[in-house]
């Protein structure tokens, strides 16, 4: 049983550090793309085609990208990093009962909020990227076969300067995949927290039962009567 608790803590620690990696993969590509496009958000961008070679871009709300970046950094990196370090410290204690001594319920609630937040982040990226790709793929003849072709186009600012576009589709596609992986990681983390809370309560219930159990006396009835008779003689 003690080994199971250690394994449980180890799995949760690994998941926390996995969440840190996902937060980096979400925030960095989204931030780089936003900087390359002069602080504009490509998510939900509408491509308005004038002809087969020229379109004007109506960029999406910058708040969508800002929410993704801030949530990924402050909630998706700092929080799981602190929790991962905390769980590693608990593992180094080598106490078989350390799992039952740690707070569980408050972190279950916090992880539920984080899981919901990254579900929203994943939906924003997926829907926003699909919206951009759908508008880009409405290009007149010759048709674009993939949204990745937008990386080959020349993007210009309103002042005529060339935009350093980079591999923005690859960046956002990676952020999309990482966001769904991150949501799954947090959902599993919530499940493990609930399972650990259940095990801790069972362990405490078993301990209370053993403490309150009556102590059975051994001996035969005849022996007890003999001792009682001897006492009465005195």
C-alpha atoms as a PDB file:
ATOM      1  CA  UNK A   1       0.000   0.000   0.000  1.00  0.00           C
ATOM      2  CA  UNK A   2       2.828   2.419   0.817  1.00  0.00           C
ATOM      3  CA  UNK A   3       4.399   1.784  -2.584  1.00  0.00           C
ATOM      4  CA  UNK A   4       1.084   2.588  -4.275  1.00  0.00           C
ATOM      5  CA  UNK A   5       1.001   5.950  -2.553  1.00  0.00           C
ATOM      6  CA  UNK A   6       4.562   6.711  -3.711  1.00  0.00           C
ATOM      7  CA  UNK A   7       3.666   5.710  -7.262  1.00  0.00           C
ATOM      8  CA  UNK A   8       0.571   7.864  -7.094  1.00  0.00           C
ATOM      9  CA  UNK A   9       2.593  10.920  -6.093  1.00  0.00           C
ATOM     10  CA  UNK A  10       5.179  10.205  -8.784  1.00  0.00           C
ATOM     11  CA  UNK A  11       2.531  10.046 -11.512  1.00  0.00           C
ATOM     12  CA  UNK A  12       1.001  13.315 -10.353  1.00  0.00           C
ATOM     13  CA  UNK A  13       4.419  14.993 -10.275  1.00  0.00           C
ATOM     14  CA  UNK A  14       5.143  13.828 -13.834  1.00  0.00           C
ATOM     15  CA  UNK A  15       1.769  15.155 -14.985  1.00  0.00           C
ATOM     16  CA  UNK A  16       2.454  18.550 -13.427  1.00  0.00           C
ATOM     17  CA  UNK A  17       5.765  18.849 -15.273  1.00  0.00           C
ATOM     18  CA  UNK A  18       4.064  17.650 -18.466  1.00  0.00           C
ATOM     19  CA  UNK A  19       1.584  20.491 -18.035  1.00  0.00           C
ATOM     20  CA  UNK A  20       4.517  22.914 -17.786  1.00  0.00           C
ATOM     21  CA  UNK A  21       5.826  21.682 -21.135  1.00  0.00           C
ATOM     22  CA  UNK A  22       2.383  22.043 -22.707  1.00  0.00           C
ATOM     23  CA  UNK A  23       2.111  25.575 -21.351  1.00  0.00           C
ATOM     24  CA  UNK A  24       5.397  26.476 -23.023  1.00  0.00           C
ATOM     25  CA  UNK A  25       4.316  24.964 -26.353  1.00  0.00           C
ATOM     26  CA  UNK A  26       1.058  26.928 -26.210  1.00  0.00           C
ATOM     27  CA  UNK A  27       2.350  30.315 -25.069  1.00  0.00           C
ATOM     28  CA  UNK A  28       5.593  30.644 -27.041  1.00  0.00           C
ATOM     29  CA  UNK A  29       4.269  29.913 -30.578  1.00  0.00           C
ATOM     30  CA  UNK A  30       1.173  32.044 -29.970  1.00  0.00           C
ATOM     31  CA  UNK A  31       3.281  34.906 -28.645  1.00  0.00           C
ATOM     32  CA  UNK A  32       5.825  34.682 -31.472  1.00  0.00           C
ATOM     33  CA  UNK A  33       3.058  34.729 -34.089  1.00  0.00           C
ATOM     34  CA  UNK A  34       1.449  37.741 -32.422  1.00  0.00           C
ATOM     35  CA  UNK A  35       4.756  39.627 -32.389  1.00  0.00           C
ATOM     36  CA  UNK A  36       5.508  38.765 -36.034  1.00  0.00           C
ATOM     37  CA  UNK A  37       2.159  40.180 -37.115  1.00  0.00           C
ATOM     38  CA  UNK A  38       2.616  43.484 -35.287  1.00  0.00           C
ATOM     39  CA  UNK A  39       0.643  42.398 -32.187  1.00  0.00           C
ATOM     40  CA  UNK A  40      -2.293  41.224 -34.311  1.00  0.00           C
ATOM     41  CA  UNK A  41      -4.066  37.939 -33.592  1.00  0.00           C
ATOM     42  CA  UNK A  42      -4.358  35.507 -36.496  1.00  0.00           C
ATOM     43  CA  UNK A  43      -7.080  33.508 -34.769  1.00  0.00           C
ATOM     44  CA  UNK A  44     -10.506  34.292 -36.241  1.00  0.00           C
ATOM     45  CA  UNK A  45      -8.815  36.353 -38.969  1.00  0.00           C
ATOM     46  CA  UNK A  46     -10.976  36.785 -42.062  1.00  0.00           C
ATOM     47  CA  UNK A  47      -9.282  36.766 -45.469  1.00  0.00           C
ATOM     48  CA  UNK A  48     -11.237  38.932 -47.908  1.00  0.00           C
ATOM     49  CA  UNK A  49     -10.102  37.939 -51.395  1.00  0.00           C
ATOM     50  CA  UNK A  50     -10.023  40.705 -54.003  1.00  0.00           C
ATOM     51  CA  UNK A  51      -8.773  38.398 -56.751  1.00  0.00           C
ATOM     52  CA  UNK A  52      -6.831  35.139 -57.048  1.00  0.00           C
ATOM     53  CA  UNK A  53      -3.587  36.702 -55.805  1.00  0.00           C
ATOM     54  CA  UNK A  54      -4.556  39.474 -53.394  1.00  0.00           C
ATOM     55  CA  UNK A  55      -6.560  39.528 -50.173  1.00  0.00           C
ATOM     56  CA  UNK A  56      -6.983  41.862 -47.246  1.00  0.00           C
ATOM     57  CA  UNK A  57      -6.909  40.426 -43.742  1.00  0.00           C
ATOM     58  CA  UNK A  58      -9.368  41.468 -41.076  1.00  0.00           C
ATOM     59  CA  UNK A  59      -7.549  40.322 -37.959  1.00  0.00           C
ATOM     60  CA  UNK A  60      -9.311  38.732 -35.032  1.00  0.00           C
ATOM     61  CA  UNK A  61      -9.698  40.213 -31.577  1.00  0.00           C
ATOM     62  CA  UNK A  62      -6.311  40.565 -29.875  1.00  0.00           C
ATOM     63  CA  UNK A  63      -7.955  39.586 -26.591  1.00  0.00           C
ATOM     64  CA  UNK A  64      -8.231  35.982 -27.777  1.00  0.00           C
ATOM     65  CA  UNK A  65      -4.472  35.633 -28.177  1.00  0.00           C
ATOM     66  CA  UNK A  66      -3.811  37.595 -24.977  1.00  0.00           C
ATOM     67  CA  UNK A  67      -6.049  35.265 -22.968  1.00  0.00           C
ATOM     68  CA  UNK A  68      -4.260  32.215 -24.394  1.00  0.00           C
ATOM     69  CA  UNK A  69      -0.814  33.628 -23.622  1.00  0.00           C
ATOM     70  CA  UNK A  70      -1.591  34.832 -20.089  1.00  0.00           C
ATOM     71  CA  UNK A  71      -3.466  31.664 -19.143  1.00  0.00           C
ATOM     72  CA  UNK A  72      -0.667  29.471 -20.488  1.00  0.00           C
ATOM     73  CA  UNK A  73       2.067  31.395 -18.662  1.00  0.00           C
ATOM     74  CA  UNK A  74       0.563  32.180 -15.261  1.00  0.00           C
ATOM     75  CA  UNK A  75      -1.769  29.193 -14.891  1.00  0.00           C
ATOM     76  CA  UNK A  76      -0.195  26.698 -17.285  1.00  0.00           C
ATOM     77  CA  UNK A  77       3.468  27.167 -16.294  1.00  0.00           C
ATOM     78  CA  UNK A  78       3.920  28.787 -12.874  1.00  0.00           C
ATOM     79  CA  UNK A  79       1.177  26.872 -11.033  1.00  0.00           C
ATOM     80  CA  UNK A  80       2.069  23.334 -12.217  1.00  0.00           C
ATOM     81  CA  UNK A  81       5.774  24.104 -11.801  1.00  0.00           C
ATOM     82  CA  UNK A  82       5.228  24.965  -8.141  1.00  0.00           C
ATOM     83  CA  UNK A  83       3.024  21.914  -7.629  1.00  0.00           C
ATOM     84  CA  UNK A  84       5.536  19.646  -9.354  1.00  0.00           C
ATOM     85  CA  UNK A  85       8.345  20.863  -7.096  1.00  0.00           C
ATOM     86  CA  UNK A  86       6.079  20.360  -4.069  1.00  0.00           C
ATOM     87  CA  UNK A  87       5.316  16.770  -5.065  1.00  0.00           C
ATOM     88  CA  UNK A  88       8.980  16.010  -5.749  1.00  0.00           C
ATOM     89  CA  UNK A  89       9.784  17.309  -2.265  1.00  0.00           C
ATOM     90  CA  UNK A  90       7.088  15.033  -0.826  1.00  0.00           C
ATOM     91  CA  UNK A  91       8.617  12.066  -2.638  1.00  0.00           C
ATOM     92  CA  UNK A  92      12.064  12.823  -1.206  1.00  0.00           C
ATOM     93  CA  UNK A  93      10.627  12.574   2.311  1.00  0.00           C
ATOM     94  CA  UNK A  94      10.325   8.792   1.810  1.00  0.00           C
ATOM     95  CA  UNK A  95       7.420   8.727   4.228  1.00  0.00           C
ATOM     96  CA  UNK A  96       4.967   5.932   3.329  1.00  0.00           C
ATOM     97  CA  UNK A  97       2.116   8.000   4.794  1.00  0.00           C
ATOM     98  CA  UNK A  98       3.020  11.314   3.148  1.00  0.00           C
ATOM     99  CA  UNK A  99       0.191  10.978   0.637  1.00  0.00           C
ATOM    100  CA  UNK A 100      -2.448  10.872   3.369  1.00  0.00           C
ATOM    101  CA  UNK A 101      -0.935  13.914   5.106  1.00  0.00           C
ATOM    102  CA  UNK A 102      -1.057  16.254   2.088  1.00  0.00           C
ATOM    103  CA  UNK A 103      -3.928  18.575   1.242  1.00  0.00           C
ATOM    104  CA  UNK A 104      -6.099  17.082  -1.486  1.00  0.00           C
ATOM    105  CA  UNK A 105      -9.531  18.693  -1.749  1.00  0.00           C
ATOM    106  CA  UNK A 106      -8.366  22.326  -2.306  1.00  0.00           C
ATOM    107  CA  UNK A 107      -6.103  21.193  -5.144  1.00  0.00           C
ATOM    108  CA  UNK A 108      -8.922  19.151  -6.692  1.00  0.00           C
ATOM    109  CA  UNK A 109     -10.998  22.332  -6.910  1.00  0.00           C
ATOM    110  CA  UNK A 110      -8.058  24.336  -8.281  1.00  0.00           C
ATOM    111  CA  UNK A 111      -7.250  21.682 -10.882  1.00  0.00           C
ATOM    112  CA  UNK A 112     -10.902  21.572 -11.974  1.00  0.00           C
ATOM    113  CA  UNK A 113     -10.753  25.311 -12.669  1.00  0.00           C
ATOM    114  CA  UNK A 114      -7.475  24.906 -14.574  1.00  0.00           C
ATOM    115  CA  UNK A 115      -8.869  22.011 -16.625  1.00  0.00           C
ATOM    116  CA  UNK A 116     -11.920  24.092 -17.548  1.00  0.00           C
ATOM    117  CA  UNK A 117      -9.703  27.035 -18.453  1.00  0.00           C
ATOM    118  CA  UNK A 118      -7.565  24.987 -20.814  1.00  0.00           C
ATOM    119  CA  UNK A 119     -10.642  23.439 -22.375  1.00  0.00           C
ATOM    120  CA  UNK A 120     -11.667  27.003 -23.238  1.00  0.00           C
ATOM    121  CA  UNK A 121      -8.138  27.747 -24.508  1.00  0.00           C
ATOM    122  CA  UNK A 122      -8.176  24.644 -26.717  1.00  0.00           C
ATOM    123  CA  UNK A 123     -11.575  25.586 -28.136  1.00  0.00           C
ATOM    124  CA  UNK A 124     -10.453  29.164 -28.850  1.00  0.00           C
ATOM    125  CA  UNK A 125      -7.356  27.992 -30.728  1.00  0.00           C
ATOM    126  CA  UNK A 126      -9.127  25.225 -32.648  1.00  0.00           C
ATOM    127  CA  UNK A 127     -12.147  27.291 -33.686  1.00  0.00           C
ATOM    128  CA  UNK A 128     -10.059  30.404 -34.346  1.00  0.00           C
ATOM    129  CA  UNK A 129      -7.547  28.563 -36.519  1.00  0.00           C
ATOM    130  CA  UNK A 130     -10.309  26.771 -38.418  1.00  0.00           C
ATOM    131  CA  UNK A 131     -12.098  30.068 -39.009  1.00  0.00           C
ATOM    132  CA  UNK A 132      -8.927  31.583 -40.472  1.00  0.00           C
ATOM    133  CA  UNK A 133      -8.223  28.536 -42.634  1.00  0.00           C
ATOM    134  CA  UNK A 134     -11.786  28.376 -43.954  1.00  0.00           C
ATOM    135  CA  UNK A 135     -11.634  31.990 -45.095  1.00  0.00           C
ATOM    136  CA  UNK A 136      -8.187  31.536 -46.647  1.00  0.00           C
ATOM    137  CA  UNK A 137      -9.238  28.402 -48.542  1.00  0.00           C
ATOM    138  CA  UNK A 138     -12.022  30.389 -50.241  1.00  0.00           C
ATOM    139  CA  UNK A 139      -9.311  31.731 -52.543  1.00  0.00           C
ATOM    140  CA  UNK A 140     -10.434  31.885 -56.181  1.00  0.00           C
ATOM    141  CA  UNK A 141      -8.655  29.844 -58.854  1.00  0.00           C
ATOM    142  CA  UNK A 142      -5.984  28.576 -58.370  1.00  0.00           C
ATOM    143  CA  UNK A 143      -7.357  27.019 -55.209  1.00  0.00           C
ATOM    144  CA  UNK A 144      -5.199  26.524 -52.135  1.00  0.00           C
ATOM    145  CA  UNK A 145      -5.008  22.906 -51.082  1.00  0.00           C
ATOM    146  CA  UNK A 146      -3.927  23.550 -47.501  1.00  0.00           C
ATOM    147  CA  UNK A 147      -4.017  26.343 -44.970  1.00  0.00           C
ATOM    148  CA  UNK A 148      -0.258  25.908 -44.666  1.00  0.00           C
ATOM    149  CA  UNK A 149       0.001  27.585 -48.093  1.00  0.00           C
ATOM    150  CA  UNK A 150      -0.734  30.874 -46.333  1.00  0.00           C
ATOM    151  CA  UNK A 151       2.820  30.763 -44.986  1.00  0.00           C
ATOM    152  CA  UNK A 152       4.092  31.106 -48.564  1.00  0.00           C
ATOM    153  CA  UNK A 153       2.098  34.262 -49.210  1.00  0.00           C
ATOM    154  CA  UNK A 154       3.615  37.701 -48.784  1.00  0.00           C
ATOM    155  CA  UNK A 155       1.960  39.613 -45.992  1.00  0.00           C
ATOM    156  CA  UNK A 156       2.216  43.418 -45.955  1.00  0.00           C
ATOM    157  CA  UNK A 157       1.356  45.988 -43.321  1.00  0.00           C
ATOM    158  CA  UNK A 158      -0.908  48.908 -44.129  1.00  0.00           C
ATOM    159  CA  UNK A 159       2.199  51.066 -44.620  1.00  0.00           C
ATOM    160  CA  UNK A 160       3.500  48.667 -47.289  1.00  0.00           C
ATOM    161  CA  UNK A 161       6.247  47.071 -45.158  1.00  0.00           C
ATOM    162  CA  UNK A 162       6.704  43.318 -45.427  1.00  0.00           C
ATOM    163  CA  UNK A 163       5.575  41.241 -42.436  1.00  0.00           C
ATOM    164  CA  UNK A 164       8.014  38.694 -41.006  1.00  0.00           C
ATOM    165  CA  UNK A 165       5.379  35.992 -41.011  1.00  0.00           C
ATOM    166  CA  UNK A 166       7.460  32.942 -40.037  1.00  0.00           C
ATOM    167  CA  UNK A 167       5.877  29.496 -39.856  1.00  0.00           C
ATOM    168  CA  UNK A 168       2.732  30.855 -38.242  1.00  0.00           C
ATOM    169  CA  UNK A 169       0.458  27.994 -39.289  1.00  0.00           C
ATOM    170  CA  UNK A 170       2.892  25.415 -37.905  1.00  0.00           C
ATOM    171  CA  UNK A 171       3.176  27.425 -34.687  1.00  0.00           C
ATOM    172  CA  UNK A 172      -0.571  27.713 -34.175  1.00  0.00           C
ATOM    173  CA  UNK A 173      -1.130  24.091 -35.159  1.00  0.00           C
ATOM    174  CA  UNK A 174       1.415  23.021 -32.512  1.00  0.00           C
ATOM    175  CA  UNK A 175      -0.286  25.266 -29.942  1.00  0.00           C
ATOM    176  CA  UNK A 176      -3.624  23.684 -30.827  1.00  0.00           C
ATOM    177  CA  UNK A 177      -2.325  20.152 -30.281  1.00  0.00           C
ATOM    178  CA  UNK A 178      -0.591  21.105 -27.036  1.00  0.00           C
ATOM    179  CA  UNK A 179      -3.749  22.761 -25.709  1.00  0.00           C
ATOM    180  CA  UNK A 180      -5.813  19.591 -26.110  1.00  0.00           C
ATOM    181  CA  UNK A 181      -3.040  17.467 -24.594  1.00  0.00           C
ATOM    182  CA  UNK A 182      -2.887  19.921 -21.710  1.00  0.00           C
ATOM    183  CA  UNK A 183      -6.632  19.682 -21.124  1.00  0.00           C
ATOM    184  CA  UNK A 184      -6.346  15.886 -21.035  1.00  0.00           C
ATOM    185  CA  UNK A 185      -3.425  16.108 -18.570  1.00  0.00           C
ATOM    186  CA  UNK A 186      -5.417  18.327 -16.205  1.00  0.00           C
ATOM    187  CA  UNK A 187      -8.492  16.106 -16.493  1.00  0.00           C
ATOM    188  CA  UNK A 188      -6.382  13.089 -15.502  1.00  0.00           C
ATOM    189  CA  UNK A 189      -4.877  15.147 -12.676  1.00  0.00           C
ATOM    190  CA  UNK A 190      -8.365  15.864 -11.341  1.00  0.00           C
ATOM    191  CA  UNK A 191      -9.249  12.168 -11.544  1.00  0.00           C
ATOM    192  CA  UNK A 192      -6.109  11.187  -9.652  1.00  0.00           C
ATOM    193  CA  UNK A 193      -6.871  13.777  -6.996  1.00  0.00           C
ATOM    194  CA  UNK A 194     -10.388  12.415  -6.492  1.00  0.00           C
ATOM    195  CA  UNK A 195      -9.024   8.873  -6.320  1.00  0.00           C
ATOM    196  CA  UNK A 196      -6.430   9.877  -3.733  1.00  0.00           C
ATOM    197  CA  UNK A 197      -9.089  11.641  -1.656  1.00  0.00           C
ATOM    198  CA  UNK A 198     -11.162   8.459  -1.718  1.00  0.00           C
ATOM    199  CA  UNK A 199      -8.174   6.332  -0.664  1.00  0.00           C
ATOM    200  CA  UNK A 200      -7.239   8.707   2.134  1.00  0.00           C
ATOM    201  CA  UNK A 201     -10.755   8.566   3.558  1.00  0.00           C
ATOM    202  CA  UNK A 202     -10.801   4.789   3.368  1.00  0.00           C
ATOM    203  CA  UNK A 203      -7.454   4.645   5.154  1.00  0.00           C
ATOM    204  CA  UNK A 204      -8.665   6.951   7.918  1.00  0.00           C
ATOM    205  CA  UNK A 205     -11.890   4.971   8.272  1.00  0.00           C
ATOM    206  CA  UNK A 206      -9.914   1.748   8.594  1.00  0.00           C
ATOM    207  CA  UNK A 207      -7.686   3.347  11.233  1.00  0.00           C
ATOM    208  CA  UNK A 208     -10.666   4.590  13.258  1.00  0.00           C
ATOM    209  CA  UNK A 209     -12.269   1.156  13.111  1.00  0.00           C
ATOM    210  CA  UNK A 210      -9.130  -0.583  14.374  1.00  0.00           C
ATOM    211  CA  UNK A 211      -8.779   1.902  17.250  1.00  0.00           C
ATOM    212  CA  UNK A 212     -12.380   1.430  18.394  1.00  0.00           C
ATOM    213  CA  UNK A 213     -12.488  -2.386  18.039  1.00  0.00           C
ATOM    214  CA  UNK A 214     -13.047  -4.268  21.386  1.00  0.00           C
ATOM    215  CA  UNK A 215     -10.164  -6.284  22.804  1.00  0.00           C
ATOM    216  CA  UNK A 216     -11.100  -9.972  23.085  1.00  0.00           C
ATOM    217  CA  UNK A 217      -9.932 -11.784  26.252  1.00  0.00           C
ATOM    218  CA  UNK A 218      -8.525 -15.224  25.909  1.00  0.00           C
ATOM    219  CA  UNK A 219      -9.037 -18.072  28.301  1.00  0.00           C
ATOM    220  CA  UNK A 220     -11.526 -20.761  29.140  1.00  0.00           C
ATOM    221  CA  UNK A 221     -14.571 -20.239  31.236  1.00  0.00           C
ATOM    222  CA  UNK A 222     -13.377 -22.740  33.831  1.00  0.00           C
ATOM    223  CA  UNK A 223     -10.078 -20.913  34.371  1.00  0.00           C
ATOM    224  CA  UNK A 224     -11.845 -17.593  34.880  1.00  0.00           C
ATOM    225  CA  UNK A 225     -14.183 -19.096  37.435  1.00  0.00           C
ATOM    226  CA  UNK A 226     -11.260 -20.682  39.261  1.00  0.00           C
ATOM    227  CA  UNK A 227      -9.469 -17.341  39.517  1.00  0.00           C
ATOM    228  CA  UNK A 228     -12.649 -15.691  40.735  1.00  0.00           C
ATOM    229  CA  UNK A 229     -13.103 -18.421  43.366  1.00  0.00           C
ATOM    230  CA  UNK A 230      -9.548 -17.910  44.628  1.00  0.00           C
ATOM    231  CA  UNK A 231     -10.142 -14.177  44.942  1.00  0.00           C
ATOM    232  CA  UNK A 232     -13.297 -14.762  46.968  1.00  0.00           C
ATOM    233  CA  UNK A 233     -11.368 -16.920  49.407  1.00  0.00           C
ATOM    234  CA  UNK A 234      -9.182 -13.998  50.320  1.00  0.00           C
END
